[in-house]
Amino acid sequence: MIDLRIADDVAHVTLRAPERLNTLDEQALHGLDAAYAEAETAGVRALVLSGEGRAFCAGRDISGVDPRDDDVIGYLGGLVAPLLQRMSRFPAPTFAAAHGACLGVGLGLLIATDVVYVAESAKIGSPFAALGATLDSGGHALFLDRLGAHRTLDLIYTGRLMTGVEAVTAGLFSRVLPDEEVHEATRDAAATAALGPTAAFVASKRLVARIRDERLALWESVELESAAQAELGDTDDYREGFAAFQQKRKPRFRGR
């Protein structure tokens, strides 16, 4: 079950299948996609993704899958990949609170989120050798970029899971927090972002994605930054930010 609640310009998307460690079947993927679409239509200025129970998301629900006729391409290519792309392009800052198992598609959900706070108890890695399977949902790209080839293959070959502390120390995610604090801290960060200059945040989000995906050099990045800044000059929030600075007061951004 996927739950969506919107309050104070923040969308709260919760994975609610704690008895299955929030594993995702096709119905759940469709529900998650619909929740992001609804939040986008509502014009929220931030989004929080979390999981109920003992885990964030332990990956795909394979309880009823017969490997002899499993449509892997249909599941990963037809459902998971488009969902992750929608999530990564969401037109507002996105935050995730991750605890317990964060594996497979669950790891992919985190990769597609802007800011990820992980609990100390988080378990992150590639345990799929036990299934005769391999890491998916963007895991190879994340691990290779942050850990290098040797550590990536070590995790894959051994199936060892990283703790939240290890994952943040290695640069995989944003911040590690005690289990009892991670959800509140994530909600607070999203609430703060929702009061900020949304267009400027989205501009940075798009710049980061383009610089990463196109492997742009320094001066190419500088040129794109200049163009983005020029576009922001036409926004109400840009003018409000300058006025507040000149008047020595706090800005009152409205996301426009």
Foldseek 3Di string as FASTA:
>chain_A
DWDWDDDLLEIEIEQEDQVQLSADDQVNLVVLLVNLVVSLVVRRAEYEYAYDHQWGYQYHDCVPPDVVPDPPCCPCVVGLVVSLVSLLLRLHAYEYEGADEQAASSVLNVVSHDAYEYEQRYWDAWQCVVVVDTHDNCPVVLCCVQPNDVVNVVRGVVVHTDGSVRCVVSPSHDYYDHPVCRVVVRVVVRSVSSQAQSLVVSLVSVLVVCCVVVVDDDVVSVVSVVVSVVVCVPDPQVVQVVVCVVVVHDGGHDND
